[in-house]
Amino acid sequence: MLPDIGVFGPYTYLVTEVVWGSVALALLWRAGALREAARTIAVLYPIAYVWDWYTLTVGVFSIDLRTGVDLLGIPVEEHIFIVVVPALVLGIHETLRVRTSDDSTERSGR
């Protein structure tokens, strides 16, 4: 059974974004990939924004446990989501890449 994080009320979505965003930031920091990730996220952001705006506008999904603050037609939490998701993916990817690189260097005796 999963814990009910709805106790945060209208801040529930925001809290989850901050938690997972912190994980993403830590992974990117550890892998030394903050600058590269920022560049990739900046390129992806406009595409994700339009996609998000469209799906919310046509009613594909709705977000109940949010602050109610909108920015440029979508909830502020969605703007954060658009940054956090690729940051987390890139953080995991870069962490694995760095670890794999370190492991191969150790095996070759360098």
PDB file of N, CA and C in Angstrom:
ATOM      1  N   MET A   1       0.843  -1.188   0.000  1.00  0.00           N
ATOM      2  CA  MET A   1       0.000   0.000   0.000  1.00  0.00           C
ATOM      3  C   MET A   1       0.886   1.249   0.000  1.00  0.00           C
ATOM      4  N   LEU A   2       0.554   2.183  -0.857  1.00  0.00           N
ATOM      5  CA  LEU A   2       1.332   3.407  -0.978  1.00  0.00           C
ATOM      6  C   LEU A   2       0.880   4.445   0.050  1.00  0.00           C
ATOM      7  N   PRO A   3       1.809   5.257   0.546  1.00  0.00           N
ATOM      8  CA  PRO A   3       1.411   6.313   1.483  1.00  0.00           C
ATOM      9  C   PRO A   3       0.576   7.372   0.767  1.00  0.00           C
ATOM     10  N   ASP A   4      -0.351   7.967   1.492  1.00  0.00           N
ATOM     11  CA  ASP A   4      -1.196   9.028   0.933  1.00  0.00           C
ATOM     12  C   ASP A   4      -0.475  10.356   1.106  1.00  0.00           C
ATOM     13  N   ILE A   5       0.125  10.852   0.008  1.00  0.00           N
ATOM     14  CA  ILE A   5       0.823  12.127   0.098  1.00  0.00           C
ATOM     15  C   ILE A   5      -0.123  13.299  -0.118  1.00  0.00           C
ATOM     16  N   GLY A   6      -1.407  13.018  -0.244  1.00  0.00           N
ATOM     17  CA  GLY A   6      -2.408  14.068  -0.391  1.00  0.00           C
ATOM     18  C   GLY A   6      -2.507  14.962   0.831  1.00  0.00           C
ATOM     19  N   VAL A   7      -1.804  14.595   1.905  1.00  0.00           N
ATOM     20  CA  VAL A   7      -1.829  15.419   3.117  1.00  0.00           C
ATOM     21  C   VAL A   7      -1.242  16.805   2.860  1.00  0.00           C
ATOM     22  N   PHE A   8      -0.497  16.959   1.779  1.00  0.00           N
ATOM     23  CA  PHE A   8       0.053  18.270   1.438  1.00  0.00           C
ATOM     24  C   PHE A   8      -0.976  19.157   0.737  1.00  0.00           C
ATOM     25  N   GLY A   9      -2.180  18.616   0.533  1.00  0.00           N
ATOM     26  CA  GLY A   9      -3.269  19.394  -0.069  1.00  0.00           C
ATOM     27  C   GLY A   9      -2.871  19.988  -1.407  1.00  0.00           C
ATOM     28  N   PRO A  10      -3.106  21.289  -1.582  1.00  0.00           N
ATOM     29  CA  PRO A  10      -2.811  21.911  -2.876  1.00  0.00           C
ATOM     30  C   PRO A  10      -1.319  21.996  -3.197  1.00  0.00           C
ATOM     31  N   TYR A  11      -0.476  21.625  -2.257  1.00  0.00           N
ATOM     32  CA  TYR A  11       0.966  21.654  -2.495  1.00  0.00           C
ATOM     33  C   TYR A  11       1.533  20.266  -2.806  1.00  0.00           C
ATOM     34  N   THR A  12       0.673  19.272  -2.920  1.00  0.00           N
ATOM     35  CA  THR A  12       1.111  17.895  -3.132  1.00  0.00           C
ATOM     36  C   THR A  12       1.970  17.751  -4.377  1.00  0.00           C
ATOM     37  N   TYR A  13       1.504  18.244  -5.496  1.00  0.00           N
ATOM     38  CA  TYR A  13       2.256  18.117  -6.750  1.00  0.00           C
ATOM     39  C   TYR A  13       3.573  18.877  -6.639  1.00  0.00           C
ATOM     40  N   LEU A  14       3.536  20.057  -6.063  1.00  0.00           N
ATOM     41  CA  LEU A  14       4.738  20.866  -5.900  1.00  0.00           C
ATOM     42  C   LEU A  14       5.768  20.145  -5.025  1.00  0.00           C
ATOM     43  N   VAL A  15       5.319  19.539  -3.948  1.00  0.00           N
ATOM     44  CA  VAL A  15       6.221  18.806  -3.055  1.00  0.00           C
ATOM     45  C   VAL A  15       6.893  17.661  -3.806  1.00  0.00           C
ATOM     46  N   THR A  16       6.124  16.912  -4.584  1.00  0.00           N
ATOM     47  CA  THR A  16       6.723  15.796  -5.320  1.00  0.00           C
ATOM     48  C   THR A  16       7.740  16.299  -6.344  1.00  0.00           C
ATOM     49  N   GLU A  17       7.472  17.421  -6.962  1.00  0.00           N
ATOM     50  CA  GLU A  17       8.416  17.990  -7.932  1.00  0.00           C
ATOM     51  C   GLU A  17       9.706  18.412  -7.247  1.00  0.00           C
ATOM     52  N   VAL A  18       9.600  18.999  -6.066  1.00  0.00           N
ATOM     53  CA  VAL A  18      10.798  19.415  -5.332  1.00  0.00           C
ATOM     54  C   VAL A  18      11.620  18.196  -4.907  1.00  0.00           C
ATOM     55  N   VAL A  19      10.948  17.158  -4.428  1.00  0.00           N
ATOM     56  CA  VAL A  19      11.668  15.945  -4.006  1.00  0.00           C
ATOM     57  C   VAL A  19      12.410  15.325  -5.188  1.00  0.00           C
ATOM     58  N   TRP A  20      11.699  15.055  -6.276  1.00  0.00           N
ATOM     59  CA  TRP A  20      12.336  14.405  -7.423  1.00  0.00           C
ATOM     60  C   TRP A  20      13.312  15.342  -8.125  1.00  0.00           C
ATOM     61  N   GLY A  21      13.044  16.642  -8.099  1.00  0.00           N
ATOM     62  CA  GLY A  21      13.983  17.610  -8.656  1.00  0.00           C
ATOM     63  C   GLY A  21      15.291  17.612  -7.878  1.00  0.00           C
ATOM     64  N   SER A  22      15.204  17.446  -6.570  1.00  0.00           N
ATOM     65  CA  SER A  22      16.407  17.371  -5.732  1.00  0.00           C
ATOM     66  C   SER A  22      17.226  16.129  -6.061  1.00  0.00           C
ATOM     67  N   VAL A  23      16.538  15.020  -6.289  1.00  0.00           N
ATOM     68  CA  VAL A  23      17.233  13.788  -6.684  1.00  0.00           C
ATOM     69  C   VAL A  23      17.942  14.010  -8.023  1.00  0.00           C
ATOM     70  N   ALA A  24      17.238  14.607  -8.966  1.00  0.00           N
ATOM     71  CA  ALA A  24      17.826  14.865 -10.289  1.00  0.00           C
ATOM     72  C   ALA A  24      19.041  15.778 -10.177  1.00  0.00           C
ATOM     73  N   LEU A  25      18.920  16.833  -9.399  1.00  0.00           N
ATOM     74  CA  LEU A  25      20.026  17.772  -9.220  1.00  0.00           C
ATOM     75  C   LEU A  25      21.239  17.081  -8.592  1.00  0.00           C
ATOM     76  N   ALA A  26      21.000  16.255  -7.588  1.00  0.00           N
ATOM     77  CA  ALA A  26      22.095  15.539  -6.933  1.00  0.00           C
ATOM     78  C   ALA A  26      22.807  14.600  -7.916  1.00  0.00           C
ATOM     79  N   LEU A  27      22.043  13.889  -8.730  1.00  0.00           N
ATOM     80  CA  LEU A  27      22.646  12.979  -9.704  1.00  0.00           C
ATOM     81  C   LEU A  27      23.457  13.744 -10.749  1.00  0.00           C
ATOM     82  N   LEU A  28      22.916  14.838 -11.242  1.00  0.00           N
ATOM     83  CA  LEU A  28      23.631  15.629 -12.236  1.00  0.00           C
ATOM     84  C   LEU A  28      24.891  16.245 -11.645  1.00  0.00           C
ATOM     85  N   TRP A  29      24.798  16.713 -10.417  1.00  0.00           N
ATOM     86  CA  TRP A  29      25.962  17.281  -9.732  1.00  0.00           C
ATOM     87  C   TRP A  29      27.046  16.213  -9.578  1.00  0.00           C
ATOM     88  N   ARG A  30      26.642  15.050  -9.108  1.00  0.00           N
ATOM     89  CA  ARG A  30      27.588  13.942  -8.881  1.00  0.00           C
ATOM     90  C   ARG A  30      28.284  13.521 -10.173  1.00  0.00           C
ATOM     91  N   ALA A  31      27.543  13.539 -11.268  1.00  0.00           N
ATOM     92  CA  ALA A  31      28.100  13.122 -12.556  1.00  0.00           C
ATOM     93  C   ALA A  31      28.843  14.259 -13.260  1.00  0.00           C
ATOM     94  N   GLY A  32      28.771  15.467 -12.703  1.00  0.00           N
ATOM     95  CA  GLY A  32      29.422  16.612 -13.341  1.00  0.00           C
ATOM     96  C   GLY A  32      28.767  16.996 -14.649  1.00  0.00           C
ATOM     97  N   ALA A  33      27.448  16.862 -14.715  1.00  0.00           N
ATOM     98  CA  ALA A  33      26.742  17.062 -15.987  1.00  0.00           C
ATOM     99  C   ALA A  33      25.690  18.158 -15.930  1.00  0.00           C
ATOM    100  N   LEU A  34      25.804  19.082 -14.985  1.00  0.00           N
ATOM    101  CA  LEU A  34      24.785  20.137 -14.863  1.00  0.00           C
ATOM    102  C   LEU A  34      24.684  21.001 -16.118  1.00  0.00           C
ATOM    103  N   ARG A  35      25.800  21.444 -16.630  1.00  0.00           N
ATOM    104  CA  ARG A  35      25.795  22.345 -17.802  1.00  0.00           C
ATOM    105  C   ARG A  35      25.204  21.653 -19.030  1.00  0.00           C
ATOM    106  N   GLU A  36      25.629  20.427 -19.285  1.00  0.00           N
ATOM    107  CA  GLU A  36      25.122  19.690 -20.450  1.00  0.00           C
ATOM    108  C   GLU A  36      23.626  19.424 -20.321  1.00  0.00           C
ATOM    109  N   ALA A  37      23.197  19.059 -19.118  1.00  0.00           N
ATOM    110  CA  ALA A  37      21.772  18.795 -18.896  1.00  0.00           C
ATOM    111  C   ALA A  37      20.956  20.067 -19.082  1.00  0.00           C
ATOM    112  N   ALA A  38      21.458  21.187 -18.594  1.00  0.00           N
ATOM    113  CA  ALA A  38      20.736  22.459 -18.741  1.00  0.00           C
ATOM    114  C   ALA A  38      20.538  22.806 -20.210  1.00  0.00           C
ATOM    115  N   ARG A  39      21.558  22.552 -21.008  1.00  0.00           N
ATOM    116  CA  ARG A  39      21.447  22.841 -22.440  1.00  0.00           C
ATOM    117  C   ARG A  39      20.394  21.942 -23.093  1.00  0.00           C
ATOM    118  N   THR A  40      20.413  20.668 -22.776  1.00  0.00           N
ATOM    119  CA  THR A  40      19.427  19.737 -23.332  1.00  0.00           C
ATOM    120  C   THR A  40      18.013  20.097 -22.894  1.00  0.00           C
ATOM    121  N   ILE A  41      17.851  20.401 -21.615  1.00  0.00           N
ATOM    122  CA  ILE A  41      16.529  20.758 -21.089  1.00  0.00           C
ATOM    123  C   ILE A  41      16.014  22.038 -21.743  1.00  0.00           C
ATOM    124  N   ALA A  42      16.896  22.994 -21.974  1.00  0.00           N
ATOM    125  CA  ALA A  42      16.488  24.245 -22.631  1.00  0.00           C
ATOM    126  C   ALA A  42      15.961  23.992 -24.045  1.00  0.00           C
ATOM    127  N   VAL A  43      16.559  23.041 -24.737  1.00  0.00           N
ATOM    128  CA  VAL A  43      16.104  22.702 -26.092  1.00  0.00           C
ATOM    129  C   VAL A  43      14.774  21.951 -26.040  1.00  0.00           C
ATOM    130  N   LEU A  44      14.626  21.059 -25.064  1.00  0.00           N
ATOM    131  CA  LEU A  44      13.401  20.263 -24.942  1.00  0.00           C
ATOM    132  C   LEU A  44      12.215  21.071 -24.405  1.00  0.00           C
ATOM    133  N   TYR A  45      12.496  22.080 -23.598  1.00  0.00           N
ATOM    134  CA  TYR A  45      11.444  22.800 -22.881  1.00  0.00           C
ATOM    135  C   TYR A  45      10.311  23.323 -23.779  1.00  0.00           C
ATOM    136  N   PRO A  46      10.600  24.050 -24.860  1.00  0.00           N
ATOM    137  CA  PRO A  46       9.495  24.569 -25.683  1.00  0.00           C
ATOM    138  C   PRO A  46       8.595  23.473 -26.257  1.00  0.00           C
ATOM    139  N   ILE A  47       9.200  22.365 -26.649  1.00  0.00           N
ATOM    140  CA  ILE A  47       8.421  21.252 -27.198  1.00  0.00           C
ATOM    141  C   ILE A  47       7.519  20.676 -26.111  1.00  0.00           C
ATOM    142  N   ALA A  48       8.086  20.441 -24.948  1.00  0.00           N
ATOM    143  CA  ALA A  48       7.317  19.883 -23.835  1.00  0.00           C
ATOM    144  C   ALA A  48       6.224  20.844 -23.382  1.00  0.00           C
ATOM    145  N   TYR A  49       6.526  22.143 -23.385  1.00  0.00           N
ATOM    146  CA  TYR A  49       5.523  23.136 -22.989  1.00  0.00           C
ATOM    147  C   TYR A  49       4.303  23.082 -23.915  1.00  0.00           C
ATOM    148  N   VAL A  50       4.538  23.096 -25.205  1.00  0.00           N
ATOM    149  CA  VAL A  50       3.425  23.051 -26.164  1.00  0.00           C
ATOM    150  C   VAL A  50       2.644  21.765 -26.000  1.00  0.00           C
ATOM    151  N   TRP A  51       3.310  20.656 -25.850  1.00  0.00           N
ATOM    152  CA  TRP A  51       2.673  19.356 -25.656  1.00  0.00           C
ATOM    153  C   TRP A  51       1.818  19.386 -24.389  1.00  0.00           C
ATOM    154  N   ASP A  52       2.378  19.885 -23.315  1.00  0.00           N
ATOM    155  CA  ASP A  52       1.670  19.951 -22.039  1.00  0.00           C
ATOM    156  C   ASP A  52       0.463  20.870 -22.125  1.00  0.00           C
ATOM    157  N   TRP A  53       0.670  22.057 -22.683  1.00  0.00           N
ATOM    158  CA  TRP A  53      -0.427  23.024 -22.827  1.00  0.00           C
ATOM    159  C   TRP A  53      -1.569  22.409 -23.632  1.00  0.00           C
ATOM    160  N   TYR A  54      -1.239  21.771 -24.744  1.00  0.00           N
ATOM    161  CA  TYR A  54      -2.262  21.166 -25.596  1.00  0.00           C
ATOM    162  C   TYR A  54      -3.029  20.073 -24.861  1.00  0.00           C
ATOM    163  N   THR A  55      -2.325  19.151 -24.208  1.00  0.00           N
ATOM    164  CA  THR A  55      -3.019  18.044 -23.553  1.00  0.00           C
ATOM    165  C   THR A  55      -3.886  18.523 -22.393  1.00  0.00           C
ATOM    166  N   LEU A  56      -3.454  19.535 -21.694  1.00  0.00           N
ATOM    167  CA  LEU A  56      -4.298  20.107 -20.635  1.00  0.00           C
ATOM    168  C   LEU A  56      -5.508  20.826 -21.225  1.00  0.00           C
ATOM    169  N   THR A  57      -5.296  21.548 -22.307  1.00  0.00           N
ATOM    170  CA  THR A  57      -6.371  22.319 -22.938  1.00  0.00           C
ATOM    171  C   THR A  57      -7.476  21.423 -23.482  1.00  0.00           C
ATOM    172  N   VAL A  58      -7.100  20.313 -24.107  1.00  0.00           N
ATOM    173  CA  VAL A  58      -8.112  19.421 -24.681  1.00  0.00           C
ATOM    174  C   VAL A  58      -8.675  18.445 -23.653  1.00  0.00           C
ATOM    175  N   GLY A  59      -8.131  18.445 -22.445  1.00  0.00           N
ATOM    176  CA  GLY A  59      -8.692  17.625 -21.378  1.00  0.00           C
ATOM    177  C   GLY A  59      -8.165  16.214 -21.276  1.00  0.00           C
ATOM    178  N   VAL A  60      -6.963  15.968 -21.798  1.00  0.00           N
ATOM    179  CA  VAL A  60      -6.384  14.627 -21.698  1.00  0.00           C
ATOM    180  C   VAL A  60      -6.187  14.248 -20.235  1.00  0.00           C
ATOM    181  N   PHE A  61      -5.790  15.207 -19.413  1.00  0.00           N
ATOM    182  CA  PHE A  61      -5.649  14.958 -17.980  1.00  0.00           C
ATOM    183  C   PHE A  61      -5.916  16.250 -17.213  1.00  0.00           C
ATOM    184  N   SER A  62      -6.142  16.113 -15.932  1.00  0.00           N
ATOM    185  CA  SER A  62      -6.294  17.274 -15.058  1.00  0.00           C
ATOM    186  C   SER A  62      -5.458  17.034 -13.809  1.00  0.00           C
ATOM    187  N   ILE A  63      -5.121  18.108 -13.133  1.00  0.00           N
ATOM    188  CA  ILE A  63      -4.270  18.025 -11.953  1.00  0.00           C
ATOM    189  C   ILE A  63      -5.052  18.609 -10.780  1.00  0.00           C
ATOM    190  N   ASP A  64      -5.404  17.742  -9.842  1.00  0.00           N
ATOM    191  CA  ASP A  64      -6.235  18.178  -8.724  1.00  0.00           C
ATOM    192  C   ASP A  64      -5.441  18.755  -7.557  1.00  0.00           C
ATOM    193  N   LEU A  65      -4.391  18.106  -7.146  1.00  0.00           N
ATOM    194  CA  LEU A  65      -3.644  18.513  -5.953  1.00  0.00           C
ATOM    195  C   LEU A  65      -2.502  19.458  -6.323  1.00  0.00           C
ATOM    196  N   ARG A  66      -2.878  20.658  -6.754  1.00  0.00           N
ATOM    197  CA  ARG A  66      -1.902  21.661  -7.185  1.00  0.00           C
ATOM    198  C   ARG A  66      -2.223  23.010  -6.558  1.00  0.00           C
ATOM    199  N   THR A  67      -1.301  23.936  -6.686  1.00  0.00           N
ATOM    200  CA  THR A  67      -1.464  25.244  -6.042  1.00  0.00           C
ATOM    201  C   THR A  67      -2.538  26.102  -6.687  1.00  0.00           C
ATOM    202  N   GLY A  68      -2.820  25.880  -7.942  1.00  0.00           N
ATOM    203  CA  GLY A  68      -3.780  26.716  -8.652  1.00  0.00           C
ATOM    204  C   GLY A  68      -3.136  27.910  -9.337  1.00  0.00           C
ATOM    205  N   VAL A  69      -1.822  28.007  -9.237  1.00  0.00           N
ATOM    206  CA  VAL A  69      -1.094  29.101  -9.877  1.00  0.00           C
ATOM    207  C   VAL A  69      -0.727  28.671 -11.292  1.00  0.00           C
ATOM    208  N   ASP A  70      -1.194  29.451 -12.272  1.00  0.00           N
ATOM    209  CA  ASP A  70      -0.882  29.167 -13.670  1.00  0.00           C
ATOM    210  C   ASP A  70       0.120  30.190 -14.187  1.00  0.00           C
ATOM    211  N   LEU A  71       0.952  29.741 -15.108  1.00  0.00           N
ATOM    212  CA  LEU A  71       1.934  30.602 -15.754  1.00  0.00           C
ATOM    213  C   LEU A  71       1.940  30.241 -17.232  1.00  0.00           C
ATOM    214  N   LEU A  72       1.631  31.193 -18.066  1.00  0.00           N
ATOM    215  CA  LEU A  72       1.583  30.978 -19.513  1.00  0.00           C
ATOM    216  C   LEU A  72       0.642  29.842 -19.907  1.00  0.00           C
ATOM    217  N   GLY A  73      -0.479  29.746 -19.218  1.00  0.00           N
ATOM    218  CA  GLY A  73      -1.514  28.800 -19.594  1.00  0.00           C
ATOM    219  C   GLY A  73      -1.428  27.406 -19.018  1.00  0.00           C
ATOM    220  N   ILE A  74      -0.397  27.124 -18.245  1.00  0.00           N
ATOM    221  CA  ILE A  74      -0.302  25.814 -17.597  1.00  0.00           C
ATOM    222  C   ILE A  74       0.085  26.011 -16.124  1.00  0.00           C
ATOM    223  N   PRO A  75      -0.230  25.028 -15.280  1.00  0.00           N
ATOM    224  CA  PRO A  75       0.126  25.149 -13.860  1.00  0.00           C
ATOM    225  C   PRO A  75       1.640  25.301 -13.669  1.00  0.00           C
ATOM    226  N   VAL A  76       2.018  26.074 -12.687  1.00  0.00           N
ATOM    227  CA  VAL A  76       3.436  26.280 -12.401  1.00  0.00           C
ATOM    228  C   VAL A  76       4.128  24.949 -12.132  1.00  0.00           C
ATOM    229  N   GLU A  77       3.402  24.008 -11.526  1.00  0.00           N
ATOM    230  CA  GLU A  77       3.969  22.684 -11.272  1.00  0.00           C
ATOM    231  C   GLU A  77       4.356  21.959 -12.565  1.00  0.00           C
ATOM    232  N   GLU A  78       3.607  22.204 -13.620  1.00  0.00           N
ATOM    233  CA  GLU A  78       3.912  21.567 -14.901  1.00  0.00           C
ATOM    234  C   GLU A  78       5.188  22.131 -15.502  1.00  0.00           C
ATOM    235  N   HIS A  79       5.437  23.421 -15.300  1.00  0.00           N
ATOM    236  CA  HIS A  79       6.704  23.999 -15.762  1.00  0.00           C
ATOM    237  C   HIS A  79       7.866  23.302 -15.063  1.00  0.00           C
ATOM    238  N   ILE A  80       7.710  23.068 -13.762  1.00  0.00           N
ATOM    239  CA  ILE A  80       8.753  22.382 -13.004  1.00  0.00           C
ATOM    240  C   ILE A  80       8.896  20.941 -13.506  1.00  0.00           C
ATOM    241  N   PHE A  81       7.762  20.281 -13.746  1.00  0.00           N
ATOM    242  CA  PHE A  81       7.760  18.908 -14.255  1.00  0.00           C
ATOM    243  C   PHE A  81       8.528  18.812 -15.571  1.00  0.00           C
ATOM    244  N   ILE A  82       8.348  19.808 -16.435  1.00  0.00           N
ATOM    245  CA  ILE A  82       9.006  19.830 -17.741  1.00  0.00           C
ATOM    246  C   ILE A  82      10.528  19.896 -17.589  1.00  0.00           C
ATOM    247  N   VAL A  83      10.995  20.426 -16.485  1.00  0.00           N
ATOM    248  CA  VAL A  83      12.431  20.480 -16.217  1.00  0.00           C
ATOM    249  C   VAL A  83      12.883  19.228 -15.466  1.00  0.00           C
ATOM    250  N   VAL A  84      12.094  18.797 -14.492  1.00  0.00           N
ATOM    251  CA  VAL A  84      12.499  17.693 -13.617  1.00  0.00           C
ATOM    252  C   VAL A  84      12.594  16.358 -14.365  1.00  0.00           C
ATOM    253  N   VAL A  85      11.654  16.050 -15.205  1.00  0.00           N
ATOM    254  CA  VAL A  85      11.665  14.738 -15.872  1.00  0.00           C
ATOM    255  C   VAL A  85      12.922  14.539 -16.723  1.00  0.00           C
ATOM    256  N   PRO A  86      13.234  15.448 -17.647  1.00  0.00           N
ATOM    257  CA  PRO A  86      14.469  15.208 -18.395  1.00  0.00           C
ATOM    258  C   PRO A  86      15.715  15.304 -17.512  1.00  0.00           C
ATOM    259  N   ALA A  87      15.686  16.136 -16.478  1.00  0.00           N
ATOM    260  CA  ALA A  87      16.835  16.235 -15.570  1.00  0.00           C
ATOM    261  C   ALA A  87      17.065  14.916 -14.854  1.00  0.00           C
ATOM    262  N   LEU A  88      16.001  14.260 -14.446  1.00  0.00           N
ATOM    263  CA  LEU A  88      16.132  12.972 -13.768  1.00  0.00           C
ATOM    264  C   LEU A  88      16.644  11.895 -14.727  1.00  0.00           C
ATOM    265  N   VAL A  89      16.104  11.876 -15.922  1.00  0.00           N
ATOM    266  CA  VAL A  89      16.562  10.907 -16.925  1.00  0.00           C
ATOM    267  C   VAL A  89      18.038  11.134 -17.241  1.00  0.00           C
ATOM    268  N   LEU A  90      18.414  12.381 -17.479  1.00  0.00           N
ATOM    269  CA  LEU A  90      19.809  12.689 -17.781  1.00  0.00           C
ATOM    270  C   LEU A  90      20.718  12.422 -16.585  1.00  0.00           C
ATOM    271  N   GLY A  91      20.227  12.707 -15.381  1.00  0.00           N
ATOM    272  CA  GLY A  91      21.013  12.440 -14.180  1.00  0.00           C
ATOM    273  C   GLY A  91      21.310  10.963 -14.018  1.00  0.00           C
ATOM    274  N   ILE A  92      20.317  10.136 -14.251  1.00  0.00           N
ATOM    275  CA  ILE A  92      20.522   8.684 -14.170  1.00  0.00           C
ATOM    276  C   ILE A  92      21.469   8.227 -15.287  1.00  0.00           C
ATOM    277  N   HIS A  93      21.222   8.710 -16.492  1.00  0.00           N
ATOM    278  CA  HIS A  93      22.063   8.332 -17.630  1.00  0.00           C
ATOM    279  C   HIS A  93      23.514   8.723 -17.393  1.00  0.00           C
ATOM    280  N   GLU A  94      23.748   9.944 -16.984  1.00  0.00           N
ATOM    281  CA  GLU A  94      25.121  10.414 -16.784  1.00  0.00           C
ATOM    282  C   GLU A  94      25.794   9.716 -15.612  1.00  0.00           C
ATOM    283  N   THR A  95      25.044   9.420 -14.572  1.00  0.00           N
ATOM    284  CA  THR A  95      25.609   8.696 -13.438  1.00  0.00           C
ATOM    285  C   THR A  95      26.043   7.299 -13.866  1.00  0.00           C
ATOM    286  N   LEU A  96      25.206   6.629 -14.637  1.00  0.00           N
ATOM    287  CA  LEU A  96      25.571   5.301 -15.144  1.00  0.00           C
ATOM    288  C   LEU A  96      26.754   5.367 -16.098  1.00  0.00           C
ATOM    289  N   ARG A  97      26.772   6.389 -16.936  1.00  0.00           N
ATOM    290  CA  ARG A  97      27.869   6.547 -17.902  1.00  0.00           C
ATOM    291  C   ARG A  97      29.184   6.785 -17.179  1.00  0.00           C
ATOM    292  N   VAL A  98      29.187   7.644 -16.200  1.00  0.00           N
ATOM    293  CA  VAL A  98      30.406   7.931 -15.441  1.00  0.00           C
ATOM    294  C   VAL A  98      30.865   6.691 -14.689  1.00  0.00           C
ATOM    295  N   ARG A  99      29.924   5.988 -14.066  1.00  0.00           N
ATOM    296  CA  ARG A  99      30.283   4.759 -13.327  1.00  0.00           C
ATOM    297  C   ARG A  99      30.852   3.712 -14.271  1.00  0.00           C
ATOM    298  N   THR A 100      30.239   3.546 -15.431  1.00  0.00           N
ATOM    299  CA  THR A 100      30.718   2.571 -16.404  1.00  0.00           C
ATOM    300  C   THR A 100      32.114   2.951 -16.878  1.00  0.00           C
ATOM    301  N   SER A 101      32.334   4.227 -17.112  1.00  0.00           N
ATOM    302  CA  SER A 101      33.639   4.715 -17.539  1.00  0.00           C
ATOM    303  C   SER A 101      34.682   4.472 -16.453  1.00  0.00           C
ATOM    304  N   ASP A 102      34.326   4.752 -15.191  1.00  0.00           N
ATOM    305  CA  ASP A 102      35.236   4.518 -14.067  1.00  0.00           C
ATOM    306  C   ASP A 102      35.553   3.038 -13.925  1.00  0.00           C
ATOM    307  N   ASP A 103      34.541   2.188 -14.087  1.00  0.00           N
ATOM    308  CA  ASP A 103      34.741   0.740 -13.963  1.00  0.00           C
ATOM    309  C   ASP A 103      35.669   0.219 -15.053  1.00  0.00           C
ATOM    310  N   SER A 104      35.521   0.700 -16.270  1.00  0.00           N
ATOM    311  CA  SER A 104      36.372   0.220 -17.363  1.00  0.00           C
ATOM    312  C   SER A 104      37.799   0.722 -17.185  1.00  0.00           C
ATOM    313  N   THR A 105      37.969   1.913 -16.615  1.00  0.00           N
ATOM    314  CA  THR A 105      39.310   2.439 -16.353  1.00  0.00           C
ATOM    315  C   THR A 105      39.991   1.594 -15.290  1.00  0.00           C
ATOM    316  N   GLU A 106      39.264   1.201 -14.257  1.00  0.00           N
ATOM    317  CA  GLU A 106      39.834   0.372 -13.192  1.00  0.00           C
ATOM    318  C   GLU A 106      40.235  -1.001 -13.733  1.00  0.00           C
ATOM    319  N   ARG A 107      39.408  -1.579 -14.597  1.00  0.00           N
ATOM    320  CA  ARG A 107      39.704  -2.904 -15.144  1.00  0.00           C
ATOM    321  C   ARG A 107      40.927  -2.885 -16.045  1.00  0.00           C
ATOM    322  N   SER A 108      41.144  -1.766 -16.732  1.00  0.00           N
ATOM    323  CA  SER A 108      42.285  -1.704 -17.641  1.00  0.00           C
ATOM    324  C   SER A 108      43.571  -1.328 -16.919  1.00  0.00           C
ATOM    325  N   GLY A 109      43.477  -1.019 -15.619  1.00  0.00           N
ATOM    326  CA  GLY A 109      44.672  -0.736 -14.827  1.00  0.00           C
ATOM    327  C   GLY A 109      45.181   0.678 -14.972  1.00  0.00           C
ATOM    328  N   ARG A 110      44.359   1.596 -15.409  1.00  0.00           N
ATOM    329  CA  ARG A 110      44.802   2.995 -15.566  1.00  0.00           C
ATOM    330  C   ARG A 110      44.640   3.765 -14.311  1.00  0.00           C
TER     331      ARG A 110
END
